Protein backbone atom coordinates (compact mmCIF):
# COMPACT_ATOMS: atom_id res chain seq x y z
CA MET A 1 0.00 0.00 0.00
CA LYS A 2 1.49 3.34 -1.01
CA LEU A 3 1.87 5.80 1.83
CA PRO A 4 0.41 9.29 1.32
CA PHE A 5 3.59 10.74 2.84
CA THR A 6 7.14 9.81 3.76
CA ILE A 7 8.17 9.15 7.36
CA VAL A 8 11.75 10.04 8.31
CA HIS A 9 13.66 10.00 11.57
CA SER A 10 15.17 13.45 12.00
CA ASP A 11 17.29 14.70 14.87
CA GLN A 12 16.39 18.26 13.89
CA GLU A 13 12.70 17.42 13.52
CA THR A 14 12.19 19.50 10.41
CA ILE A 15 9.63 19.05 7.66
CA GLN A 16 11.34 18.81 4.32
CA GLY A 17 9.75 20.16 1.18
CA ALA A 18 7.42 22.56 2.92
CA HIS A 19 8.45 25.30 0.47
CA ARG A 20 6.89 23.49 -2.47
CA PRO A 21 3.86 25.17 -4.06
CA VAL A 22 0.30 23.95 -3.52
CA TRP A 23 -1.49 23.31 -6.80
CA LEU A 24 -5.17 23.91 -7.40
CA GLU A 25 -7.35 21.59 -9.40
CA HIS A 26 -11.07 21.59 -10.22
CA ARG A 27 -12.90 18.35 -9.67
CA LYS A 28 -16.33 16.99 -8.84
CA GLY A 29 -16.33 15.23 -5.49
CA ARG A 30 -18.59 13.83 -2.87
CA GLY A 31 -20.17 16.53 -0.75
CA ARG A 32 -21.87 16.40 2.63
CA LEU A 33 -24.84 14.27 3.52
CA ARG A 34 -28.42 15.44 3.18
CA GLN A 35 -30.65 15.11 6.23
CA ASP A 36 -31.96 11.78 4.85
CA GLY A 37 -28.40 10.47 4.82
CA THR A 38 -27.89 10.48 1.04
CA PRO A 39 -24.77 12.23 -0.28
CA LYS A 40 -24.88 15.64 -1.88
CA GLN A 41 -22.75 16.18 -4.97
CA ALA A 42 -20.73 19.36 -5.01
CA THR A 43 -18.33 20.83 -7.55
CA HIS A 44 -15.45 22.51 -5.80
CA ASP A 45 -11.83 23.47 -6.08
CA SER A 46 -9.36 21.27 -4.29
CA VAL A 47 -5.67 21.45 -3.57
CA VAL A 48 -3.07 18.81 -4.26
CA GLU A 49 -0.70 18.54 -1.35
CA PRO A 50 2.90 17.92 -2.32
CA SER A 51 4.84 15.01 -0.91
CA ARG A 52 6.87 15.97 2.13
CA SER A 53 8.80 14.44 4.99
CA ILE A 54 7.30 14.41 8.48
CA PRO A 55 9.44 14.08 11.61
CA VAL A 56 8.89 11.11 13.89
CA VAL A 57 8.70 12.61 17.37
CA ALA A 58 8.01 9.40 19.31
CA GLU A 59 7.85 5.63 19.06
CA THR A 60 5.72 3.58 21.41
CA ASP A 61 4.04 0.21 21.91
CA VAL A 62 0.48 1.52 22.14
CA LEU A 63 -0.73 4.81 20.69
CA VAL A 64 -4.13 5.99 21.93
CA VAL A 65 -5.70 8.70 19.78
CA GLY A 66 -8.20 10.78 21.74
CA GLY A 67 -8.09 11.62 25.45
CA GLY A 68 -11.76 11.36 26.34
CA PRO A 69 -13.24 8.80 28.76
CA ALA A 70 -12.47 5.82 26.50
CA GLY A 71 -9.02 7.14 25.60
CA VAL A 72 -7.91 7.67 29.19
CA GLY A 73 -9.29 4.25 30.11
CA ALA A 74 -7.35 2.65 27.25
CA ALA A 75 -4.07 4.45 27.92
CA VAL A 76 -4.06 3.85 31.67
CA ALA A 77 -5.00 0.17 31.29
CA ALA A 78 -2.35 -0.51 28.64
CA ARG A 79 0.37 1.15 30.71
CA ARG A 80 -0.67 -0.71 33.85
CA GLU A 81 -0.17 -3.93 31.89
CA GLY A 82 3.39 -2.91 31.10
CA ALA A 83 3.09 -1.55 27.55
CA ARG A 84 4.81 1.71 26.64
CA THR A 85 1.84 3.96 25.96
CA LEU A 86 1.41 7.37 24.39
CA LEU A 87 -1.87 9.29 24.56
CA ALA A 88 -2.46 12.04 21.98
CA GLU A 89 -5.26 14.58 22.49
CA ARG A 90 -6.24 17.53 20.30
CA TYR A 91 -7.38 19.83 23.13
CA PRO A 92 -5.24 21.29 25.94
CA TYR A 93 -7.01 19.06 28.47
CA LEU A 94 -8.17 15.48 28.91
CA GLY A 95 -11.76 14.40 29.40
CA GLY A 96 -13.58 14.65 26.07
CA MET A 97 -17.34 14.83 26.48
CA ALA A 98 -17.05 14.53 30.26
CA ALA A 99 -14.88 17.65 30.52
CA GLY A 100 -15.05 19.71 27.33
CA GLY A 101 -18.58 18.55 26.52
CA MET A 102 -19.62 19.06 30.17
CA VAL A 103 -21.84 15.96 30.25
CA LEU A 104 -21.77 16.03 34.03
CA VAL A 105 -23.14 12.69 35.20
CA ILE A 106 -21.74 9.17 34.99
CA ASP A 107 -24.77 6.94 34.52
CA ASP A 108 -25.61 3.52 33.09
CA MET A 109 -23.51 2.08 35.91
CA MET A 110 -26.21 -0.24 37.25
CA ASP A 111 -28.23 -3.16 35.93
CA GLY A 112 -31.18 -2.91 38.28
CA PRO A 113 -29.74 -3.15 41.82
CA ARG A 114 -26.37 -4.53 40.66
CA GLN A 115 -23.43 -2.34 39.70
CA THR A 116 -22.00 -3.58 36.39
CA VAL A 117 -19.68 -0.72 35.42
CA LEU A 118 -16.56 -0.82 37.58
CA GLY A 119 -12.84 -0.64 36.87
CA ILE A 120 -11.40 2.74 35.92
CA ALA A 121 -14.92 4.22 35.72
CA GLN A 122 -15.36 3.49 39.42
CA GLU A 123 -11.89 4.89 40.11
CA TYR A 124 -13.03 8.14 38.55
CA ALA A 125 -16.04 8.28 40.88
CA GLU A 126 -13.98 7.61 44.00
CA ARG A 127 -11.22 10.07 43.10
CA LEU A 128 -13.75 12.76 42.18
CA GLU A 129 -15.48 12.35 45.53
CA ARG A 130 -12.18 12.60 47.41
CA ILE A 131 -11.50 16.05 45.95
CA GLY A 132 -15.07 17.24 46.55
CA ALA A 133 -15.96 17.13 42.85
CA ALA A 134 -18.68 14.43 42.88
CA VAL A 135 -22.00 13.66 44.53
CA TYR A 136 -23.88 10.36 44.36
CA PRO A 137 -26.46 8.44 46.43
CA PRO A 138 -25.10 6.35 49.30
CA LEU A 139 -25.68 2.61 49.18
CA GLU A 140 -28.65 2.76 51.57
CA ASP A 141 -30.56 5.12 49.22
CA ARG A 142 -30.07 3.11 46.03
CA TYR A 143 -32.74 1.16 44.23
CA ARG A 144 -35.51 2.29 46.52
CA VAL A 145 -38.80 3.78 45.33
CA ASP A 146 -39.62 6.50 47.79
CA ARG A 147 -41.04 9.99 47.30
CA ALA A 148 -38.69 11.58 49.81
CA LEU A 149 -35.67 9.99 48.13
CA TRP A 150 -36.99 11.04 44.73
CA ASN A 151 -37.21 14.65 45.94
CA LYS A 152 -33.65 14.35 47.26
CA TRP A 153 -31.93 12.70 44.28
CA ALA A 154 -33.94 13.25 41.10
CA ARG A 155 -32.35 16.63 40.33
CA TRP A 156 -28.93 14.98 40.61
CA GLY A 157 -29.81 12.70 37.69
CA ALA A 158 -29.69 9.66 39.99
CA ILE A 159 -32.89 7.94 38.89
CA ASP A 160 -33.30 4.76 36.85
CA LEU A 161 -34.85 6.14 33.69
CA TYR A 162 -35.38 2.63 32.29
CA ALA A 163 -37.47 1.38 35.20
CA ARG A 164 -41.25 1.18 34.88
CA GLY A 165 -43.58 3.53 36.67
CA ARG A 166 -43.72 7.28 37.06
CA LEU A 167 -41.86 7.29 40.38
CA LYS A 168 -38.62 5.55 39.47
CA PRO A 169 -36.06 4.03 41.82
CA ILE A 170 -32.90 5.84 42.86
CA THR A 171 -29.81 4.47 41.15
CA TYR A 172 -26.05 4.88 41.35
CA ALA A 173 -25.16 7.82 39.14
CA VAL A 174 -22.32 10.25 39.77
CA ALA A 175 -22.79 14.01 39.32
CA PHE A 176 -19.39 15.64 38.91
CA ASP A 177 -17.57 18.87 38.14
CA PRO A 178 -15.87 19.12 34.71
CA ASP A 179 -12.65 20.64 36.04
CA GLY A 180 -12.54 17.86 38.61
CA TRP A 181 -12.74 15.34 35.77
CA LYS A 182 -9.76 16.99 34.11
CA ARG A 183 -7.77 16.83 37.36
CA VAL A 184 -8.54 13.16 37.91
CA SER A 185 -7.73 12.33 34.28
CA ASN A 186 -4.34 13.99 34.69
CA GLU A 187 -3.72 12.04 37.92
CA LEU A 188 -4.57 8.69 36.35
CA VAL A 189 -2.36 9.28 33.31
CA ARG A 190 0.56 10.67 35.32
CA GLU A 191 0.48 7.93 37.97
CA ALA A 192 0.34 5.19 35.34
CA GLY A 193 3.34 6.62 33.49
CA VAL A 194 1.55 7.32 30.20
CA GLU A 195 3.38 9.66 27.81
CA LEU A 196 0.98 12.50 27.00
CA ARG A 197 0.95 14.82 24.00
CA LEU A 198 -1.78 17.47 24.10
CA HIS A 199 -2.42 19.96 21.28
CA SER A 200 -2.07 17.07 18.83
CA TRP A 201 -4.93 16.84 16.32
CA PHE A 202 -5.07 13.55 14.43
CA SER A 203 -4.47 13.97 10.69
CA ARG A 204 -3.66 10.65 8.99
CA PRO A 205 -2.81 7.06 9.89
CA ILE A 206 0.53 5.55 9.01
CA LEU A 207 -0.23 2.39 7.04
CA GLU A 208 2.20 -0.37 6.20
CA GLY A 209 0.58 -3.00 4.05
CA ASP A 210 -2.45 -4.40 5.86
CA ARG A 211 -1.59 -2.92 9.26
CA ILE A 212 -1.52 0.44 10.98
CA ALA A 213 1.88 1.56 12.25
CA GLY A 214 1.15 4.92 13.89
CA ALA A 215 -0.39 8.27 13.10
CA VAL A 216 0.38 11.80 11.96
CA PHE A 217 -0.84 14.79 13.96
CA GLU A 218 -1.25 18.49 13.30
CA THR A 219 0.42 20.44 16.11
CA PRO A 220 1.50 24.03 16.79
CA GLU A 221 4.94 22.98 15.48
CA GLY A 222 3.49 21.54 12.28
CA ARG A 223 2.88 17.92 11.39
CA GLN A 224 4.43 15.28 13.61
CA ALA A 225 4.38 11.50 13.38
CA VAL A 226 4.20 8.86 16.11
CA ARG A 227 5.08 5.26 15.35
CA ALA A 228 3.30 2.52 17.28
CA LYS A 229 2.83 -1.24 17.29
CA VAL A 230 -0.86 -0.91 18.17
CA VAL A 231 -3.19 2.07 17.68
CA ILE A 232 -6.43 2.58 19.61
CA ASP A 233 -8.97 4.91 18.01
CA ALA A 234 -10.76 6.68 20.87
CA THR A 235 -11.61 9.81 18.88
CA GLY A 236 -15.38 9.47 19.31
CA ASP A 237 -15.97 9.82 15.57
CA ALA A 238 -13.81 6.90 14.40
CA ALA A 239 -11.45 9.39 12.77
CA VAL A 240 -8.54 6.96 12.57
CA ALA A 241 -10.68 4.11 11.26
CA ALA A 242 -12.26 6.35 8.63
CA GLN A 243 -8.91 7.63 7.36
CA ALA A 244 -7.59 4.05 7.28
CA ASP A 245 -10.48 3.13 4.97
CA VAL A 246 -11.97 0.37 7.08
CA PRO A 247 -15.75 -0.17 6.90
CA ILE A 248 -17.72 2.40 8.88
CA GLU A 249 -21.30 3.66 9.00
CA HIS A 250 -22.24 7.30 9.27
CA GLY A 251 -24.91 7.67 11.93
CA ARG A 252 -26.77 10.68 13.30
CA TYR A 253 -28.40 11.56 16.56
CA PHE A 254 -29.27 14.85 18.19
CA MET A 255 -26.57 17.23 19.43
CA THR A 256 -26.45 19.38 22.54
CA LEU A 257 -24.51 22.41 23.69
CA VAL A 258 -24.38 21.90 27.45
CA HIS A 259 -24.36 25.06 29.55
CA ARG A 260 -24.45 26.06 33.20
CA TYR A 261 -26.21 28.70 35.25
CA GLY A 262 -24.69 30.18 38.40
CA GLY A 263 -26.40 32.05 41.19
CA VAL A 264 -29.41 29.71 41.35
CA ASP A 265 -31.19 29.27 44.69
CA THR A 266 -31.53 25.53 44.14
CA ASP A 267 -33.25 24.88 47.48
CA ARG A 268 -35.97 27.37 46.62
CA ALA A 269 -36.33 26.02 43.08
CA ILE A 270 -36.77 22.43 44.29
CA ARG A 271 -39.11 23.48 47.09
CA PHE A 272 -41.27 25.33 44.56
CA GLU A 273 -41.48 22.21 42.38
CA ASN A 274 -42.48 20.03 45.34
CA GLU A 275 -45.05 22.47 46.73
CA HIS A 276 -46.53 23.64 43.40
CA PRO A 277 -46.09 20.72 40.98
CA ARG A 278 -48.67 21.87 38.42
CA ARG A 279 -47.34 25.41 38.15
CA ALA A 280 -43.76 24.08 38.02
CA ALA A 281 -44.72 21.62 35.28
CA THR A 282 -46.19 24.46 33.19
CA LEU A 283 -43.08 26.61 33.56
CA ASN A 284 -40.72 23.75 32.81
CA ALA A 285 -42.77 22.82 29.75
CA GLU A 286 -42.36 26.36 28.42
CA ALA A 287 -38.61 26.20 29.07
CA ARG A 288 -38.40 22.96 27.10
CA ARG A 289 -40.41 24.53 24.28
CA LEU A 290 -37.98 27.43 24.07
CA LEU A 291 -35.09 24.99 24.01
CA GLY A 292 -36.69 23.12 21.12
CA GLY A 293 -36.12 19.80 22.84
CA SER A 294 -34.63 18.58 26.11
CA TRP A 295 -34.90 15.89 28.73
CA ASP A 296 -37.86 16.12 31.09
CA MET A 297 -35.57 17.62 33.73
CA TRP A 298 -33.88 20.31 31.67
CA TRP A 299 -31.63 21.40 34.56
CA LEU A 300 -29.76 19.30 37.10
CA LEU A 301 -27.72 19.95 40.22
CA THR A 302 -23.91 19.97 40.30
CA PRO A 303 -21.41 19.66 43.19
CA LEU A 304 -20.90 23.46 43.06
CA PRO A 305 -23.38 25.38 45.24
CA GLY A 306 -25.80 27.48 43.19
CA VAL A 307 -24.59 26.01 39.88
CA VAL A 308 -26.90 23.90 37.68
CA TRP A 309 -26.16 22.29 34.34
CA CYS A 310 -28.47 22.03 31.35
CA ASN A 311 -28.02 19.09 28.98
CA CYS A 312 -29.83 20.86 26.15
CA PRO A 313 -30.99 22.09 23.66
CA HIS A 314 -31.52 18.94 21.61
CA MET A 315 -30.77 19.75 17.97
CA ARG A 316 -31.44 17.31 15.16
CA GLY A 317 -30.43 17.04 11.53
CA TYR A 318 -26.78 17.96 11.90
CA ASP A 319 -23.77 15.99 10.68
CA SER A 320 -21.08 15.75 13.37
CA THR A 321 -18.30 15.63 10.75
CA SER A 322 -19.45 18.73 8.84
CA VAL A 323 -17.78 22.02 9.69
CA GLU A 324 -20.76 23.89 8.26
CA ASP A 325 -23.26 21.89 10.31
CA LEU A 326 -21.29 22.25 13.53
CA THR A 327 -21.03 25.99 12.98
CA ARG A 328 -24.79 26.32 12.42
CA ALA A 329 -25.47 24.16 15.48
CA GLU A 330 -23.38 26.47 17.68
CA PHE A 331 -25.42 29.49 16.62
CA GLU A 332 -28.76 27.71 16.94
CA ALA A 333 -27.85 26.47 20.39
CA ARG A 334 -26.75 29.83 21.71
CA ALA A 335 -29.92 31.56 20.52
CA LYS A 336 -32.06 28.96 22.31
CA ILE A 337 -29.91 29.07 25.44
CA GLU A 338 -30.24 32.86 25.71
CA ALA A 339 -34.02 32.78 25.22
CA THR A 340 -34.52 30.06 27.80
CA PHE A 341 -32.23 31.71 30.32
CA ALA A 342 -34.15 35.00 30.05
CA PHE A 343 -37.43 33.13 30.58
CA ALA A 344 -36.14 31.18 33.59
CA LYS A 345 -34.70 34.27 35.25
CA GLU A 346 -37.96 36.14 34.79
CA ASN A 347 -40.43 33.40 35.71
CA ILE A 348 -39.05 30.45 37.69
CA PRO A 349 -38.68 30.83 41.47
CA GLY A 350 -35.06 30.33 42.52
CA PHE A 351 -33.67 31.59 39.22
CA GLU A 352 -34.16 35.33 39.87
CA GLY A 353 -30.48 35.92 40.64
CA ALA A 354 -29.12 33.47 38.09
CA TYR A 355 -26.47 34.27 35.51
CA LEU A 356 -25.27 32.30 32.50
CA LEU A 357 -22.03 30.86 33.82
CA ASP A 358 -20.61 29.14 30.73
CA THR A 359 -21.25 26.96 27.73
CA ALA A 360 -19.31 23.83 26.90
CA PRO A 361 -16.23 24.38 24.69
CA GLN A 362 -17.15 21.21 22.78
CA MET A 363 -20.43 20.48 21.03
CA GLY A 364 -22.20 17.52 22.62
CA VAL A 365 -22.07 14.99 19.80
CA ARG A 366 -23.81 11.72 20.58
CA GLN A 367 -23.26 9.91 17.31
CA GLY A 368 -21.19 10.27 14.15
CA ARG A 369 -19.12 7.64 12.39
CA LEU A 370 -19.49 4.10 13.71
CA LEU A 371 -17.10 1.24 13.13
CA GLN A 372 -18.45 -1.75 11.22
CA GLY A 373 -16.20 -4.29 12.85
CA GLU A 374 -15.89 -8.03 13.23
CA TYR A 375 -19.24 -7.92 15.01
CA VAL A 376 -21.86 -5.18 14.82
CA VAL A 377 -23.92 -4.86 17.99
CA THR A 378 -27.62 -4.57 17.18
CA ALA A 379 -30.61 -2.98 18.89
CA GLU A 380 -31.91 -6.48 19.57
CA ASP A 381 -28.65 -7.31 21.37
CA ILE A 382 -29.17 -4.33 23.66
CA LYS A 383 -32.89 -4.96 24.17
CA ARG A 384 -32.42 -8.64 25.02
CA SER A 385 -29.30 -8.10 27.11
CA ARG A 386 -27.63 -10.65 24.85
CA TRP A 387 -24.55 -12.19 26.40
CA PHE A 388 -21.40 -12.84 24.39
CA PRO A 389 -18.66 -15.30 25.38
CA ASP A 390 -16.09 -12.69 24.29
CA SER A 391 -17.67 -9.88 26.33
CA VAL A 392 -15.03 -7.45 27.62
CA ALA A 393 -17.19 -4.59 28.93
CA ARG A 394 -20.63 -4.05 30.36
CA GLY A 395 -23.17 -1.28 30.45
CA ARG A 396 -26.52 -0.92 32.15
CA GLY A 397 -27.93 -4.26 31.00
CA TYR A 398 -25.88 -5.00 27.92
CA PHE A 399 -22.57 -6.62 26.99
CA THR A 400 -19.84 -5.46 24.62
CA PRO A 401 -18.10 -8.26 22.66
CA TYR A 402 -14.41 -7.88 21.93
CA ARG A 403 -15.13 -8.31 18.23
CA SER A 404 -17.03 -5.00 18.24
CA LEU A 405 -13.73 -3.23 18.96
CA VAL A 406 -11.89 -4.93 16.08
CA PRO A 407 -12.16 -3.46 12.56
CA GLN A 408 -12.37 -5.51 9.42
CA ARG A 409 -9.31 -5.93 7.19
CA LEU A 410 -6.80 -3.71 9.00
CA GLU A 411 -4.46 -5.20 11.61
CA GLN A 412 -3.29 -3.66 14.90
CA LEU A 413 -6.12 -1.16 15.20
CA LEU A 414 -8.75 -1.21 17.94
CA VAL A 415 -11.70 1.19 18.27
CA ALA A 416 -13.27 2.07 21.62
CA GLY A 417 -15.85 4.51 22.92
CA ARG A 418 -19.02 5.81 21.32
CA CYS A 419 -17.71 5.00 17.81
CA TYR A 420 -17.46 1.25 18.51
CA SER A 421 -19.07 -1.26 16.15
CA ALA A 422 -22.83 -0.97 16.57
CA THR A 423 -25.85 -0.06 14.51
CA PRO A 424 -26.97 3.56 14.95
CA ILE A 425 -30.02 2.48 16.97
CA ALA A 426 -27.96 0.20 19.23
CA GLN A 427 -25.32 2.85 19.80
CA ARG A 428 -27.88 5.32 21.09
CA SER A 429 -28.43 3.08 24.12
CA SER A 430 -24.80 2.07 24.70
CA ARG A 431 -22.67 5.21 24.49
CA GLU A 432 -22.65 6.60 28.03
CA ILE A 433 -19.49 7.80 29.78
CA GLY A 434 -19.05 4.96 32.28
CA PRO A 435 -19.36 2.09 29.78
CA CYS A 436 -17.07 3.98 27.37
CA VAL A 437 -14.36 4.18 30.04
CA VAL A 438 -14.38 0.42 30.59
CA MET A 439 -14.61 -0.23 26.85
CA GLY A 440 -11.39 1.73 26.51
CA GLN A 441 -9.93 -0.15 29.45
CA ALA A 442 -10.64 -3.42 27.63
CA ALA A 443 -8.96 -2.18 24.45
CA GLY A 444 -5.87 -1.11 26.40
CA VAL A 445 -5.54 -4.46 28.15
CA ALA A 446 -6.03 -6.33 24.86
CA ALA A 447 -3.35 -4.26 23.13
CA ALA A 448 -0.84 -4.94 25.90
CA ILE A 449 -1.54 -8.69 25.93
CA ALA A 450 -1.26 -8.90 22.15
CA LEU A 451 2.20 -7.32 22.27
CA GLU A 452 3.23 -9.43 25.25
CA THR A 453 2.26 -12.69 23.51
CA GLY A 454 3.38 -11.72 20.01
CA VAL A 455 0.00 -11.94 18.27
CA THR A 456 -2.18 -9.42 16.48
CA VAL A 457 -4.95 -7.71 18.40
CA ARG A 458 -7.40 -9.63 16.23
CA ALA A 459 -5.96 -12.94 17.46
CA VAL A 460 -5.53 -12.01 21.13
CA ASP A 461 -6.69 -14.57 23.69
CA VAL A 462 -9.94 -13.04 24.96
CA PRO A 463 -10.14 -15.13 28.18
CA SER A 464 -6.73 -13.67 29.11
CA VAL A 465 -8.11 -10.18 28.48
CA GLN A 466 -11.10 -10.94 30.68
CA ARG A 467 -8.91 -12.23 33.52
CA ARG A 468 -6.63 -9.20 33.40
CA LEU A 469 -9.64 -6.87 33.38
CA ARG A 470 -10.97 -8.52 36.53
CA ALA A 471 -7.52 -8.14 38.08
CA GLN A 472 -7.80 -4.41 37.31
CA GLY A 473 -11.14 -4.25 39.11
CA ALA A 474 -13.40 -4.24 36.05
CA ASP A 475 -16.37 -6.47 35.22
CA PRO A 476 -15.83 -7.66 31.63
CA GLY A 477 -19.14 -9.51 31.56
CA ASP A 478 -17.44 -12.88 31.11
CA GLU A 479 -19.81 -14.60 33.52
CA ARG A 480 -23.01 -15.71 31.84
CA PRO A 481 -25.87 -13.97 33.65
CA ALA A 482 -28.88 -15.64 35.16
CA VAL A 483 -32.16 -14.95 33.40
CA ARG A 484 -33.72 -11.82 34.87
CA ALA A 485 -37.32 -12.35 35.91
CA GLU A 486 -38.51 -8.93 34.74
CA LEU A 487 -37.09 -9.53 31.25
CA VAL A 488 -38.67 -12.95 31.01
CA ALA A 489 -42.00 -11.44 32.03
CA ALA A 490 -41.61 -8.88 29.27
CA GLY A 491 -40.76 -11.57 26.73
CA VAL A 492 -37.29 -10.18 26.06
CA GLY A 493 -35.14 -12.32 28.36
CA PRO A 494 -31.38 -12.30 27.87
CA GLY A 495 -30.15 -14.20 24.85
CA VAL A 496 -26.78 -15.66 24.01
CA GLU A 497 -24.89 -14.72 20.84
CA ARG A 498 -24.20 -17.78 18.70
């Protein structure tokens, strides 16, 4: 396979040939997608980039591209298993959607009354609590249906949204502060001994025949290359997999620009809702209308006194890989945020002294490119809680097979996080922060074992991965579950992949 560029080792780390001219050509190419998913055709000018040399700034065993929840989980796990690991992140901080996207609750940690998401995800929760950056229900409050507990925990996002009934049980969900998440991410990476390169935006994979051998990044110094024996794509949008030309699917789901209010009298706001439920419901319905779409509880509590976060507005029809769409989404979101804030400040008790504290620096993208790997998880798999013998991660009531992290055709690449191999419908129910952390953890352990045993990541011994994950405190889902009575009653009892 011909490389699109030349890799050289250079003591001076200079890019050769950068003085060459850039030539323009006129061609008809594939444009963006329409809202129905079909491609637009656009005639446009394009540039032909001249061949040039790119300095190799590092060589490593495992290269993790993307420092979000899955990326940190992957990098820390691989390094703990003894592999030299480098984590490259485009922003000046770690955390992805949890930090830059300000999605400020770790949920999908429980399958009914049993906690299924553990490992590094649980480490995050414990470390966040130690620095005063997390709040979650104590064990004695969990999985109880009680009006007083509902009033206490619902605005923290700690309710089981998938349970039946209007008054839902309290569950284990962790409300956290985004800067706290950044601090804990830094601690985990530093303590594990992971080499970290921030300000490194993925550009192209380095391909050698049928395998990936590293990646090229755009940086403030120009393009830089990192060689690696295994690459883990934790970009969220399968950027590495897409550039490596492995099969992917382009999905869509609604986007959000999370924002926070400060100066809210949260005690008064909650008391008003409890004492005047009908009036509160009317006001909240108007707020949701102004937002153009949101969860039923459009604002939630945070660990910071007087600060609430709003996981809205919900905006549909945008392509997460389109610069034009992302730009339009930013403007749409801000207009709706400003209108809703003005309404809340004027009309909702407790919000009189509120101010718009901040908006997330990253657009809240739920779905973009999805890997089409060795196995594609389906909506039926999620619905039936189908168990897989090669399960390496768990979510609320579902299992993630190792094959869904392995792309077709290309060797030594793994994909983890919300861009893992699933149908668009299945991914919508299996993309939360906690499960993504442990999915990354599984990929990191698998990469390290593959290098240790001298096999490709495709051929790694999955039972060994499962055992090492348990040793790291995770639940890989390797134990076949008992049939859950409530699923049997609903006619969708857990199945087994064959």
